[in-house]
């Protein structure tokens, strides 16, 4: 399945049905009078959040969405049938924005949330409404109104409590695979991960916590370079960021500075989000190199950091305990 996290669509709600001109023509009713019924209302277009969906793929190939029109009024003051509402399923975390005005219509974050994005047109009035002492046989009626039409931008921002970020090949996919049942593609070359991966990690209490592995960021990601710009939005909702660094890289300190700079440039308060620095791939360097790295790292980071080896499954309990304690604050 393709991962589509943005879509542009046009929605057009149903048109209201027309009222009609009609007169009673019944036996033994000498003064029947006007009996034209009203038209039915047009159907609304409604978005509904569905936790079983993870992508906006359905909207990639269907970009014009129409709802049902209301029915025409009938004789004997019968109202036409209202058009059925059109309910469209979207993933949890979908933000709906009007492209022309930039106004956010709504943000569907919880399973079952609904949002009416286009209201159907009102049905027209039949001639029964225009009966008066001066006009006993009105032939006036009104047509139904058009439904609302909007040009919308849908943007999916994944709902994850913990976001794993880092430069390409830092070991993010490996980490999420050993912490959860997620099975992302893993290889020893950069940009293996092309889409965010989600995994559920169980707390000691048994509750599930969603972790997101965000595709590798590079210098300039906040300006649209590489994959990072496309997926930085997915860490906007996270409560905690796990900053993963390959300690066997040529200059791990520079890697930290690059990611710090990108978080600041992107904004949205990401630099102020609680973060845990994690040095990965400790099995690839000796203890002396690790000790030499520790002092300048403490000067740069100013906080504690965690040493792990995701590939060897070492240090994971310490990392998880730190994550749980941060989330519980």
C-alpha atoms as a PDB file:
ATOM      1  CA  UNK A   1       0.000   0.000   0.000  1.00  0.00           C
ATOM      2  CA  UNK A   2       1.230   3.486  -0.872  1.00  0.00           C
ATOM      3  CA  UNK A   3       1.702   5.945   1.972  1.00  0.00           C
ATOM      4  CA  UNK A   4      -0.047   9.166   0.950  1.00  0.00           C
ATOM      5  CA  UNK A   5      -0.122  11.849   3.641  1.00  0.00           C
ATOM      6  CA  UNK A   6      -1.395  14.799   1.578  1.00  0.00           C
ATOM      7  CA  UNK A   7      -4.268  15.189  -0.865  1.00  0.00           C
ATOM      8  CA  UNK A   8      -6.178  17.960  -2.604  1.00  0.00           C
ATOM      9  CA  UNK A   9      -9.844  17.400  -3.354  1.00  0.00           C
ATOM     10  CA  UNK A  10     -12.959  19.292  -4.377  1.00  0.00           C
ATOM     11  CA  UNK A  11     -16.105  18.523  -2.398  1.00  0.00           C
ATOM     12  CA  UNK A  12     -19.577  19.504  -3.574  1.00  0.00           C
ATOM     13  CA  UNK A  13     -22.584  18.833  -1.369  1.00  0.00           C
ATOM     14  CA  UNK A  14     -25.946  17.833  -2.851  1.00  0.00           C
ATOM     15  CA  UNK A  15     -28.310  20.358  -4.370  1.00  0.00           C
ATOM     16  CA  UNK A  16     -31.712  20.863  -2.765  1.00  0.00           C
ATOM     17  CA  UNK A  17     -34.734  19.592  -4.697  1.00  0.00           C
ATOM     18  CA  UNK A  18     -37.156  22.033  -6.357  1.00  0.00           C
ATOM     19  CA  UNK A  19     -40.576  22.790  -4.975  1.00  0.00           C
ATOM     20  CA  UNK A  20     -43.503  22.212  -7.324  1.00  0.00           C
ATOM     21  CA  UNK A  21     -46.793  23.778  -8.369  1.00  0.00           C
ATOM     22  CA  UNK A  22     -49.745  21.457  -7.794  1.00  0.00           C
ATOM     23  CA  UNK A  23     -53.468  21.721  -6.938  1.00  0.00           C
ATOM     24  CA  UNK A  24     -55.755  19.250  -5.278  1.00  0.00           C
ATOM     25  CA  UNK A  25     -58.078  17.540  -7.714  1.00  0.00           C
ATOM     26  CA  UNK A  26     -60.088  15.217  -5.527  1.00  0.00           C
ATOM     27  CA  UNK A  27     -63.700  14.151  -5.635  1.00  0.00           C
ATOM     28  CA  UNK A  28     -65.899  15.814  -3.009  1.00  0.00           C
ATOM     29  CA  UNK A  29     -63.247  18.474  -2.301  1.00  0.00           C
ATOM     30  CA  UNK A  30     -64.733  21.595  -3.924  1.00  0.00           C
ATOM     31  CA  UNK A  31     -61.978  24.010  -2.838  1.00  0.00           C
ATOM     32  CA  UNK A  32     -58.863  21.918  -3.055  1.00  0.00           C
ATOM     33  CA  UNK A  33     -56.333  24.718  -3.269  1.00  0.00           C
ATOM     34  CA  UNK A  34     -52.588  24.593  -3.830  1.00  0.00           C
ATOM     35  CA  UNK A  35     -50.811  21.433  -2.678  1.00  0.00           C
ATOM     36  CA  UNK A  36     -47.292  21.641  -4.137  1.00  0.00           C
ATOM     37  CA  UNK A  37     -44.734  20.091  -1.809  1.00  0.00           C
ATOM     38  CA  UNK A  38     -41.228  21.259  -0.867  1.00  0.00           C
ATOM     39  CA  UNK A  39     -38.069  19.827  -2.296  1.00  0.00           C
ATOM     40  CA  UNK A  40     -35.800  17.706  -0.132  1.00  0.00           C
ATOM     41  CA  UNK A  41     -32.490  18.983   1.251  1.00  0.00           C
ATOM     42  CA  UNK A  42     -29.235  18.013  -0.434  1.00  0.00           C
ATOM     43  CA  UNK A  43     -26.898  15.555   1.270  1.00  0.00           C
ATOM     44  CA  UNK A  44     -23.971  16.761   3.387  1.00  0.00           C
ATOM     45  CA  UNK A  45     -20.381  15.581   2.961  1.00  0.00           C
ATOM     46  CA  UNK A  46     -18.922  14.304   6.227  1.00  0.00           C
ATOM     47  CA  UNK A  47     -15.415  13.141   7.142  1.00  0.00           C
ATOM     48  CA  UNK A  48     -15.100  10.483   9.822  1.00  0.00           C
ATOM     49  CA  UNK A  49     -11.850   9.425  11.514  1.00  0.00           C
ATOM     50  CA  UNK A  50     -11.106   5.703  11.277  1.00  0.00           C
ATOM     51  CA  UNK A  51      -8.248   4.193  13.301  1.00  0.00           C
ATOM     52  CA  UNK A  52      -7.965   1.315  10.811  1.00  0.00           C
ATOM     53  CA  UNK A  53      -6.711   3.659   8.073  1.00  0.00           C
ATOM     54  CA  UNK A  54      -3.090   4.848   7.841  1.00  0.00           C
ATOM     55  CA  UNK A  55      -3.025   6.701   4.503  1.00  0.00           C
ATOM     56  CA  UNK A  56      -4.979   9.138   2.320  1.00  0.00           C
ATOM     57  CA  UNK A  57      -4.566   6.863  -0.695  1.00  0.00           C
ATOM     58  CA  UNK A  58      -8.328   6.798  -1.416  1.00  0.00           C
ATOM     59  CA  UNK A  59      -8.251  10.509  -2.226  1.00  0.00           C
ATOM     60  CA  UNK A  60      -5.354  10.310  -4.673  1.00  0.00           C
ATOM     61  CA  UNK A  61      -7.479   8.914  -7.498  1.00  0.00           C
ATOM     62  CA  UNK A  62     -10.840  10.495  -6.627  1.00  0.00           C
ATOM     63  CA  UNK A  63     -10.324  14.234  -6.404  1.00  0.00           C
ATOM     64  CA  UNK A  64     -13.893  15.442  -7.047  1.00  0.00           C
ATOM     65  CA  UNK A  65     -16.422  14.208  -4.502  1.00  0.00           C
ATOM     66  CA  UNK A  66     -20.146  14.771  -4.924  1.00  0.00           C
ATOM     67  CA  UNK A  67     -22.978  14.143  -2.492  1.00  0.00           C
ATOM     68  CA  UNK A  68     -26.584  13.215  -3.318  1.00  0.00           C
ATOM     69  CA  UNK A  69     -29.163  15.754  -4.455  1.00  0.00           C
ATOM     70  CA  UNK A  70     -32.504  16.231  -2.743  1.00  0.00           C
ATOM     71  CA  UNK A  71     -35.665  14.969  -4.406  1.00  0.00           C
ATOM     72  CA  UNK A  72     -38.289  17.148  -6.079  1.00  0.00           C
ATOM     73  CA  UNK A  73     -41.421  17.978  -4.092  1.00  0.00           C
ATOM     74  CA  UNK A  74     -44.621  16.031  -4.707  1.00  0.00           C
ATOM     75  CA  UNK A  75     -48.370  16.743  -4.841  1.00  0.00           C
ATOM     76  CA  UNK A  76     -50.569  16.731  -1.736  1.00  0.00           C
ATOM     77  CA  UNK A  77     -47.886  18.727   0.075  1.00  0.00           C
ATOM     78  CA  UNK A  78     -45.461  15.816  -0.005  1.00  0.00           C
ATOM     79  CA  UNK A  79     -41.851  16.800   0.675  1.00  0.00           C
ATOM     80  CA  UNK A  80     -39.195  15.352  -1.600  1.00  0.00           C
ATOM     81  CA  UNK A  81     -36.674  12.901  -0.206  1.00  0.00           C
ATOM     82  CA  UNK A  82     -33.544  14.427   1.278  1.00  0.00           C
ATOM     83  CA  UNK A  83     -30.258  13.366  -0.256  1.00  0.00           C
ATOM     84  CA  UNK A  84     -28.278  10.843   1.758  1.00  0.00           C
ATOM     85  CA  UNK A  85     -25.201  12.202   3.515  1.00  0.00           C
ATOM     86  CA  UNK A  86     -21.888  11.034   2.090  1.00  0.00           C
ATOM     87  CA  UNK A  87     -19.549   9.805   4.856  1.00  0.00           C
ATOM     88  CA  UNK A  88     -15.876   9.554   3.922  1.00  0.00           C
ATOM     89  CA  UNK A  89     -13.398   7.655   6.122  1.00  0.00           C
ATOM     90  CA  UNK A  90     -10.034   9.306   6.819  1.00  0.00           C
ATOM     91  CA  UNK A  91      -7.117   8.272   9.071  1.00  0.00           C
ATOM     92  CA  UNK A  92      -6.937   9.610  12.612  1.00  0.00           C
ATOM     93  CA  UNK A  93      -4.722  12.690  12.593  1.00  0.00           C
ATOM     94  CA  UNK A  94      -6.141  14.189   9.384  1.00  0.00           C
ATOM     95  CA  UNK A  95      -6.257  17.980   9.219  1.00  0.00           C
ATOM     96  CA  UNK A  96      -8.744  19.570   6.789  1.00  0.00           C
ATOM     97  CA  UNK A  97      -7.900  23.024   5.414  1.00  0.00           C
ATOM     98  CA  UNK A  98      -9.625  25.318   2.922  1.00  0.00           C
ATOM     99  CA  UNK A  99      -7.059  25.991   0.210  1.00  0.00           C
ATOM    100  CA  UNK A 100      -8.548  29.320  -0.917  1.00  0.00           C
ATOM    101  CA  UNK A 101      -8.715  30.920   2.547  1.00  0.00           C
ATOM    102  CA  UNK A 102      -6.213  28.857   4.532  1.00  0.00           C
ATOM    103  CA  UNK A 103      -8.830  28.316   7.260  1.00  0.00           C
ATOM    104  CA  UNK A 104      -8.634  24.969   9.070  1.00  0.00           C
ATOM    105  CA  UNK A 105     -12.071  23.324   8.993  1.00  0.00           C
ATOM    106  CA  UNK A 106     -11.143  20.730  11.576  1.00  0.00           C
ATOM    107  CA  UNK A 107      -8.663  18.206  12.904  1.00  0.00           C
ATOM    108  CA  UNK A 108      -9.828  14.606  13.239  1.00  0.00           C
ATOM    109  CA  UNK A 109      -7.653  13.029  15.913  1.00  0.00           C
ATOM    110  CA  UNK A 110      -9.872  10.480  17.673  1.00  0.00           C
ATOM    111  CA  UNK A 111     -11.467   7.383  16.193  1.00  0.00           C
ATOM    112  CA  UNK A 112     -15.082   8.174  15.319  1.00  0.00           C
ATOM    113  CA  UNK A 113     -14.648  11.974  15.163  1.00  0.00           C
ATOM    114  CA  UNK A 114     -16.853  13.515  12.483  1.00  0.00           C
ATOM    115  CA  UNK A 115     -16.648  16.800  10.584  1.00  0.00           C
ATOM    116  CA  UNK A 116     -19.209  18.201   8.143  1.00  0.00           C
ATOM    117  CA  UNK A 117     -17.068  19.809   5.446  1.00  0.00           C
ATOM    118  CA  UNK A 118     -19.875  20.767   3.029  1.00  0.00           C
ATOM    119  CA  UNK A 119     -23.537  21.345   3.843  1.00  0.00           C
ATOM    120  CA  UNK A 120     -26.198  20.304   1.361  1.00  0.00           C
ATOM    121  CA  UNK A 121     -28.448  22.900  -0.284  1.00  0.00           C
ATOM    122  CA  UNK A 122     -31.871  23.646   1.132  1.00  0.00           C
ATOM    123  CA  UNK A 123     -34.900  22.347  -0.735  1.00  0.00           C
ATOM    124  CA  UNK A 124     -37.164  24.795  -2.580  1.00  0.00           C
ATOM    125  CA  UNK A 125     -40.709  25.679  -1.485  1.00  0.00           C
ATOM    126  CA  UNK A 126     -43.843  24.410  -3.192  1.00  0.00           C
ATOM    127  CA  UNK A 127     -46.769  26.649  -4.109  1.00  0.00           C
ATOM    128  CA  UNK A 128     -48.654  25.591  -0.957  1.00  0.00           C
ATOM    129  CA  UNK A 129     -46.482  28.115   0.929  1.00  0.00           C
ATOM    130  CA  UNK A 130     -47.737  31.021  -1.170  1.00  0.00           C
ATOM    131  CA  UNK A 131     -51.450  30.688  -0.489  1.00  0.00           C
ATOM    132  CA  UNK A 132     -52.967  33.979   0.717  1.00  0.00           C
ATOM    133  CA  UNK A 133     -56.298  35.787   0.834  1.00  0.00           C
ATOM    134  CA  UNK A 134     -55.320  37.740  -2.252  1.00  0.00           C
ATOM    135  CA  UNK A 135     -53.983  34.761  -4.174  1.00  0.00           C
ATOM    136  CA  UNK A 136     -56.040  31.620  -3.732  1.00  0.00           C
ATOM    137  CA  UNK A 137     -54.353  29.772  -6.612  1.00  0.00           C
ATOM    138  CA  UNK A 138     -50.625  30.642  -6.480  1.00  0.00           C
ATOM    139  CA  UNK A 139     -48.402  29.301  -9.197  1.00  0.00           C
ATOM    140  CA  UNK A 140     -45.192  30.349  -7.532  1.00  0.00           C
ATOM    141  CA  UNK A 141     -42.509  27.973  -6.285  1.00  0.00           C
ATOM    142  CA  UNK A 142     -38.779  28.179  -5.569  1.00  0.00           C
ATOM    143  CA  UNK A 143     -35.908  26.111  -6.818  1.00  0.00           C
ATOM    144  CA  UNK A 144     -33.564  24.229  -4.516  1.00  0.00           C
ATOM    145  CA  UNK A 145     -30.279  25.816  -3.455  1.00  0.00           C
ATOM    146  CA  UNK A 146     -26.893  24.520  -4.520  1.00  0.00           C
ATOM    147  CA  UNK A 147     -24.830  22.709  -1.902  1.00  0.00           C
ATOM    148  CA  UNK A 148     -21.557  24.097  -0.621  1.00  0.00           C
ATOM    149  CA  UNK A 149     -18.458  23.545  -2.734  1.00  0.00           C
ATOM    150  CA  UNK A 150     -14.926  23.768  -1.347  1.00  0.00           C
ATOM    151  CA  UNK A 151     -11.392  23.112  -2.517  1.00  0.00           C
ATOM    152  CA  UNK A 152      -9.737  21.278   0.385  1.00  0.00           C
ATOM    153  CA  UNK A 153      -6.250  20.223   1.402  1.00  0.00           C
ATOM    154  CA  UNK A 154      -6.049  17.077   3.517  1.00  0.00           C
ATOM    155  CA  UNK A 155      -2.888  16.553   5.550  1.00  0.00           C
ATOM    156  CA  UNK A 156      -2.191  13.493   7.660  1.00  0.00           C
ATOM    157  CA  UNK A 157      -0.049  13.953  10.746  1.00  0.00           C
ATOM    158  CA  UNK A 158       0.632  10.646  12.428  1.00  0.00           C
ATOM    159  CA  UNK A 159      -0.538  10.234  15.999  1.00  0.00           C
ATOM    160  CA  UNK A 160       2.449   8.873  17.889  1.00  0.00           C
ATOM    161  CA  UNK A 161       3.531   9.628  21.442  1.00  0.00           C
ATOM    162  CA  UNK A 162       7.205   8.943  20.729  1.00  0.00           C
ATOM    163  CA  UNK A 163       9.011  10.015  17.557  1.00  0.00           C
ATOM    164  CA  UNK A 164      12.395   8.496  16.652  1.00  0.00           C
ATOM    165  CA  UNK A 165      14.468  10.979  14.657  1.00  0.00           C
ATOM    166  CA  UNK A 166      18.013  10.984  13.361  1.00  0.00           C
ATOM    167  CA  UNK A 167      20.223  11.205  10.300  1.00  0.00           C
ATOM    168  CA  UNK A 168      20.036   8.478   7.648  1.00  0.00           C
ATOM    169  CA  UNK A 169      21.397   5.111   8.724  1.00  0.00           C
ATOM    170  CA  UNK A 170      21.353   5.966  12.430  1.00  0.00           C
ATOM    171  CA  UNK A 171      19.452   2.746  13.132  1.00  0.00           C
ATOM    172  CA  UNK A 172      15.927   4.099  13.628  1.00  0.00           C
ATOM    173  CA  UNK A 173      14.199   1.262  11.772  1.00  0.00           C
ATOM    174  CA  UNK A 174      16.249  -1.332  13.635  1.00  0.00           C
ATOM    175  CA  UNK A 175      15.328   0.259  16.953  1.00  0.00           C
ATOM    176  CA  UNK A 176      11.592   0.315  16.287  1.00  0.00           C
ATOM    177  CA  UNK A 177      11.727  -3.270  15.016  1.00  0.00           C
ATOM    178  CA  UNK A 178      13.311  -4.587  18.236  1.00  0.00           C
ATOM    179  CA  UNK A 179      11.067  -2.508  20.504  1.00  0.00           C
ATOM    180  CA  UNK A 180       7.800  -3.424  18.780  1.00  0.00           C
ATOM    181  CA  UNK A 181       6.307  -5.856  16.305  1.00  0.00           C
ATOM    182  CA  UNK A 182       6.849  -3.434  13.410  1.00  0.00           C
ATOM    183  CA  UNK A 183       8.760  -4.928  10.490  1.00  0.00           C
ATOM    184  CA  UNK A 184      10.214  -2.045   8.464  1.00  0.00           C
ATOM    185  CA  UNK A 185      12.660  -2.512   5.626  1.00  0.00           C
ATOM    186  CA  UNK A 186      16.201  -2.459   7.031  1.00  0.00           C
ATOM    187  CA  UNK A 187      19.456  -2.203   5.079  1.00  0.00           C
ATOM    188  CA  UNK A 188      22.976  -0.839   5.571  1.00  0.00           C
ATOM    189  CA  UNK A 189      22.594   2.125   3.212  1.00  0.00           C
ATOM    190  CA  UNK A 190      21.065   5.587   3.783  1.00  0.00           C
ATOM    191  CA  UNK A 191      17.414   6.360   3.034  1.00  0.00           C
ATOM    192  CA  UNK A 192      16.241   2.770   3.374  1.00  0.00           C
ATOM    193  CA  UNK A 193      13.157   4.158   5.090  1.00  0.00           C
ATOM    194  CA  UNK A 194      11.041   6.154   2.641  1.00  0.00           C
ATOM    195  CA  UNK A 195       7.862   6.402   4.720  1.00  0.00           C
ATOM    196  CA  UNK A 196       7.219   6.699   8.471  1.00  0.00           C
ATOM    197  CA  UNK A 197       6.867   3.388  10.295  1.00  0.00           C
ATOM    198  CA  UNK A 198       4.595   2.935  13.293  1.00  0.00           C
ATOM    199  CA  UNK A 199       5.024   0.405  16.079  1.00  0.00           C
ATOM    200  CA  UNK A 200       3.242  -0.203  19.379  1.00  0.00           C
ATOM    201  CA  UNK A 201       5.415  -0.723  22.459  1.00  0.00           C
ATOM    202  CA  UNK A 202       3.845  -2.054  25.659  1.00  0.00           C
ATOM    203  CA  UNK A 203       4.390  -0.229  28.927  1.00  0.00           C
ATOM    204  CA  UNK A 204       4.900  -2.251  32.119  1.00  0.00           C
ATOM    205  CA  UNK A 205       1.260  -1.418  32.921  1.00  0.00           C
ATOM    206  CA  UNK A 206       0.159  -3.127  29.718  1.00  0.00           C
ATOM    207  CA  UNK A 207      -0.905   0.048  27.904  1.00  0.00           C
ATOM    208  CA  UNK A 208       0.271   0.434  24.341  1.00  0.00           C
ATOM    209  CA  UNK A 209       2.395   3.421  23.282  1.00  0.00           C
ATOM    210  CA  UNK A 210       2.771   4.313  19.603  1.00  0.00           C
ATOM    211  CA  UNK A 211       6.320   4.915  18.370  1.00  0.00           C
ATOM    212  CA  UNK A 212       7.018   6.485  14.958  1.00  0.00           C
ATOM    213  CA  UNK A 213      10.230   5.989  12.996  1.00  0.00           C
ATOM    214  CA  UNK A 214      10.581   9.185  10.936  1.00  0.00           C
ATOM    215  CA  UNK A 215      12.594   8.902   7.674  1.00  0.00           C
ATOM    216  CA  UNK A 216      16.141  10.230   7.882  1.00  0.00           C
ATOM    217  CA  UNK A 217      16.649  13.963   8.112  1.00  0.00           C
ATOM    218  CA  UNK A 218      19.620  15.666   6.503  1.00  0.00           C
ATOM    219  CA  UNK A 219      21.024  19.162   6.615  1.00  0.00           C
ATOM    220  CA  UNK A 220      18.530  21.472   4.915  1.00  0.00           C
ATOM    221  CA  UNK A 221      15.565  19.163   5.514  1.00  0.00           C
ATOM    222  CA  UNK A 222      13.451  22.021   6.894  1.00  0.00           C
ATOM    223  CA  UNK A 223      13.931  23.821   3.546  1.00  0.00           C
ATOM    224  CA  UNK A 224      12.793  20.870   1.474  1.00  0.00           C
ATOM    225  CA  UNK A 225      16.062  19.002   0.928  1.00  0.00           C
ATOM    226  CA  UNK A 226      15.930  15.206   1.118  1.00  0.00           C
ATOM    227  CA  UNK A 227      13.013  13.327   2.677  1.00  0.00           C
ATOM    228  CA  UNK A 228      12.843  15.210   5.974  1.00  0.00           C
ATOM    229  CA  UNK A 229      10.691  18.135   4.817  1.00  0.00           C
ATOM    230  CA  UNK A 230       7.983  15.722   3.687  1.00  0.00           C
ATOM    231  CA  UNK A 231       7.814  13.982   7.060  1.00  0.00           C
ATOM    232  CA  UNK A 232       8.768  16.552   9.701  1.00  0.00           C
ATOM    233  CA  UNK A 233       5.046  17.246  10.099  1.00  0.00           C
ATOM    234  CA  UNK A 234       4.607  13.757  11.523  1.00  0.00           C
ATOM    235  CA  UNK A 235       6.524  14.627  14.691  1.00  0.00           C
ATOM    236  CA  UNK A 236       4.439  17.746  15.414  1.00  0.00           C
ATOM    237  CA  UNK A 237       2.010  15.750  17.579  1.00  0.00           C
ATOM    238  CA  UNK A 238       4.582  13.651  19.450  1.00  0.00           C
ATOM    239  CA  UNK A 239       5.019  14.121  23.191  1.00  0.00           C
ATOM    240  CA  UNK A 240       8.633  12.935  23.211  1.00  0.00           C
ATOM    241  CA  UNK A 241      11.450  12.783  20.663  1.00  0.00           C
ATOM    242  CA  UNK A 242      14.150  10.120  20.723  1.00  0.00           C
ATOM    243  CA  UNK A 243      17.198  11.681  19.063  1.00  0.00           C
ATOM    244  CA  UNK A 244      19.147   8.699  17.691  1.00  0.00           C
ATOM    245  CA  UNK A 245      22.815   9.161  16.776  1.00  0.00           C
ATOM    246  CA  UNK A 246      25.237   6.692  15.211  1.00  0.00           C
ATOM    247  CA  UNK A 247      28.180   6.845  17.588  1.00  0.00           C
ATOM    248  CA  UNK A 248      30.372   5.083  14.996  1.00  0.00           C
ATOM    249  CA  UNK A 249      29.897   7.961  12.516  1.00  0.00           C
ATOM    250  CA  UNK A 250      32.862  10.149  11.568  1.00  0.00           C
ATOM    251  CA  UNK A 251      31.623  13.034  13.730  1.00  0.00           C
ATOM    252  CA  UNK A 252      28.639  12.247  16.003  1.00  0.00           C
ATOM    253  CA  UNK A 253      28.746  15.752  17.537  1.00  0.00           C
ATOM    254  CA  UNK A 254      28.184  17.345  14.136  1.00  0.00           C
ATOM    255  CA  UNK A 255      25.275  14.963  13.558  1.00  0.00           C
ATOM    256  CA  UNK A 256      23.634  16.234  16.746  1.00  0.00           C
ATOM    257  CA  UNK A 257      24.191  19.875  15.750  1.00  0.00           C
ATOM    258  CA  UNK A 258      22.652  19.288  12.310  1.00  0.00           C
ATOM    259  CA  UNK A 259      19.472  17.819  13.715  1.00  0.00           C
ATOM    260  CA  UNK A 260      19.202  20.552  16.362  1.00  0.00           C
ATOM    261  CA  UNK A 261      19.458  23.162  13.613  1.00  0.00           C
ATOM    262  CA  UNK A 262      16.755  21.493  11.512  1.00  0.00           C
ATOM    263  CA  UNK A 263      14.334  21.308  14.441  1.00  0.00           C
ATOM    264  CA  UNK A 264      14.859  25.013  15.118  1.00  0.00           C
ATOM    265  CA  UNK A 265      14.406  25.913  11.438  1.00  0.00           C
ATOM    266  CA  UNK A 266      11.212  23.908  11.075  1.00  0.00           C
ATOM    267  CA  UNK A 267       9.653  25.547  14.136  1.00  0.00           C
ATOM    268  CA  UNK A 268       6.274  24.388  15.514  1.00  0.00           C
ATOM    269  CA  UNK A 269       7.900  24.159  18.954  1.00  0.00           C
ATOM    270  CA  UNK A 270       9.834  20.968  18.117  1.00  0.00           C
ATOM    271  CA  UNK A 271      13.060  22.203  19.691  1.00  0.00           C
ATOM    272  CA  UNK A 272      11.216  22.670  22.992  1.00  0.00           C
ATOM    273  CA  UNK A 273       9.746  19.163  22.950  1.00  0.00           C
ATOM    274  CA  UNK A 274      11.140  16.759  25.581  1.00  0.00           C
ATOM    275  CA  UNK A 275      13.965  14.783  23.975  1.00  0.00           C
ATOM    276  CA  UNK A 276      16.229  11.889  24.827  1.00  0.00           C
ATOM    277  CA  UNK A 277      19.648  11.606  23.208  1.00  0.00           C
ATOM    278  CA  UNK A 278      20.519   7.997  22.353  1.00  0.00           C
ATOM    279  CA  UNK A 279      23.886   6.817  21.043  1.00  0.00           C
ATOM    280  CA  UNK A 280      23.381   3.722  18.931  1.00  0.00           C
ATOM    281  CA  UNK A 281      25.737   1.121  17.426  1.00  0.00           C
ATOM    282  CA  UNK A 282      28.010   1.076  20.477  1.00  0.00           C
ATOM    283  CA  UNK A 283      29.180  -2.394  19.420  1.00  0.00           C
ATOM    284  CA  UNK A 284      31.109  -0.795  16.537  1.00  0.00           C
ATOM    285  CA  UNK A 285      33.504   1.307  18.652  1.00  0.00           C
ATOM    286  CA  UNK A 286      35.795   0.423  21.579  1.00  0.00           C
ATOM    287  CA  UNK A 287      35.380   1.680  25.138  1.00  0.00           C
ATOM    288  CA  UNK A 288      38.259   4.177  24.900  1.00  0.00           C
ATOM    289  CA  UNK A 289      36.654   5.953  21.928  1.00  0.00           C
ATOM    290  CA  UNK A 290      33.348   5.983  23.764  1.00  0.00           C
ATOM    291  CA  UNK A 291      34.913   7.560  26.835  1.00  0.00           C
ATOM    292  CA  UNK A 292      36.672  10.191  24.712  1.00  0.00           C
ATOM    293  CA  UNK A 293      33.315  11.046  23.152  1.00  0.00           C
ATOM    294  CA  UNK A 294      31.443  11.309  26.438  1.00  0.00           C
ATOM    295  CA  UNK A 295      32.995  14.548  27.768  1.00  0.00           C
ATOM    296  CA  UNK A 296      32.439  16.788  24.692  1.00  0.00           C
ATOM    297  CA  UNK A 297      29.004  15.200  24.319  1.00  0.00           C
ATOM    298  CA  UNK A 298      28.017  16.215  27.843  1.00  0.00           C
ATOM    299  CA  UNK A 299      29.260  19.753  27.163  1.00  0.00           C
ATOM    300  CA  UNK A 300      27.145  19.942  24.010  1.00  0.00           C
ATOM    301  CA  UNK A 301      23.981  18.195  25.192  1.00  0.00           C
ATOM    302  CA  UNK A 302      23.932  19.369  28.841  1.00  0.00           C
ATOM    303  CA  UNK A 303      21.720  16.385  29.741  1.00  0.00           C
ATOM    304  CA  UNK A 304      22.077  12.662  30.254  1.00  0.00           C
ATOM    305  CA  UNK A 305      22.232  10.381  27.247  1.00  0.00           C
ATOM    306  CA  UNK A 306      21.659   6.669  26.756  1.00  0.00           C
ATOM    307  CA  UNK A 307      24.037   4.149  25.193  1.00  0.00           C
ATOM    308  CA  UNK A 308      22.443   1.290  23.263  1.00  0.00           C
ATOM    309  CA  UNK A 309      23.063  -1.258  20.582  1.00  0.00           C
ATOM    310  CA  UNK A 310      19.774  -1.860  18.778  1.00  0.00           C
ATOM    311  CA  UNK A 311      21.325  -4.567  16.623  1.00  0.00           C
ATOM    312  CA  UNK A 312      22.664  -6.445  19.670  1.00  0.00           C
ATOM    313  CA  UNK A 313      19.592  -5.547  21.805  1.00  0.00           C
ATOM    314  CA  UNK A 314      21.680  -3.980  24.535  1.00  0.00           C
ATOM    315  CA  UNK A 315      20.624  -1.030  26.694  1.00  0.00           C
ATOM    316  CA  UNK A 316      16.994  -1.172  25.541  1.00  0.00           C
ATOM    317  CA  UNK A 317      15.537  -1.600  29.038  1.00  0.00           C
ATOM    318  CA  UNK A 318      17.376   1.500  30.243  1.00  0.00           C
ATOM    319  CA  UNK A 319      16.082   3.447  27.241  1.00  0.00           C
ATOM    320  CA  UNK A 320      12.485   2.322  27.735  1.00  0.00           C
ATOM    321  CA  UNK A 321      12.560   3.167  31.448  1.00  0.00           C
ATOM    322  CA  UNK A 322      13.770   6.662  30.560  1.00  0.00           C
ATOM    323  CA  UNK A 323      11.017   7.016  27.944  1.00  0.00           C
ATOM    324  CA  UNK A 324       8.281   5.907  30.362  1.00  0.00           C
ATOM    325  CA  UNK A 325       9.529   8.295  33.040  1.00  0.00           C
ATOM    326  CA  UNK A 326       9.534  11.208  30.550  1.00  0.00           C
ATOM    327  CA  UNK A 327       6.028  10.416  29.313  1.00  0.00           C
ATOM    328  CA  UNK A 328       4.659  10.221  32.846  1.00  0.00           C
ATOM    329  CA  UNK A 329       5.897  13.698  33.789  1.00  0.00           C
END
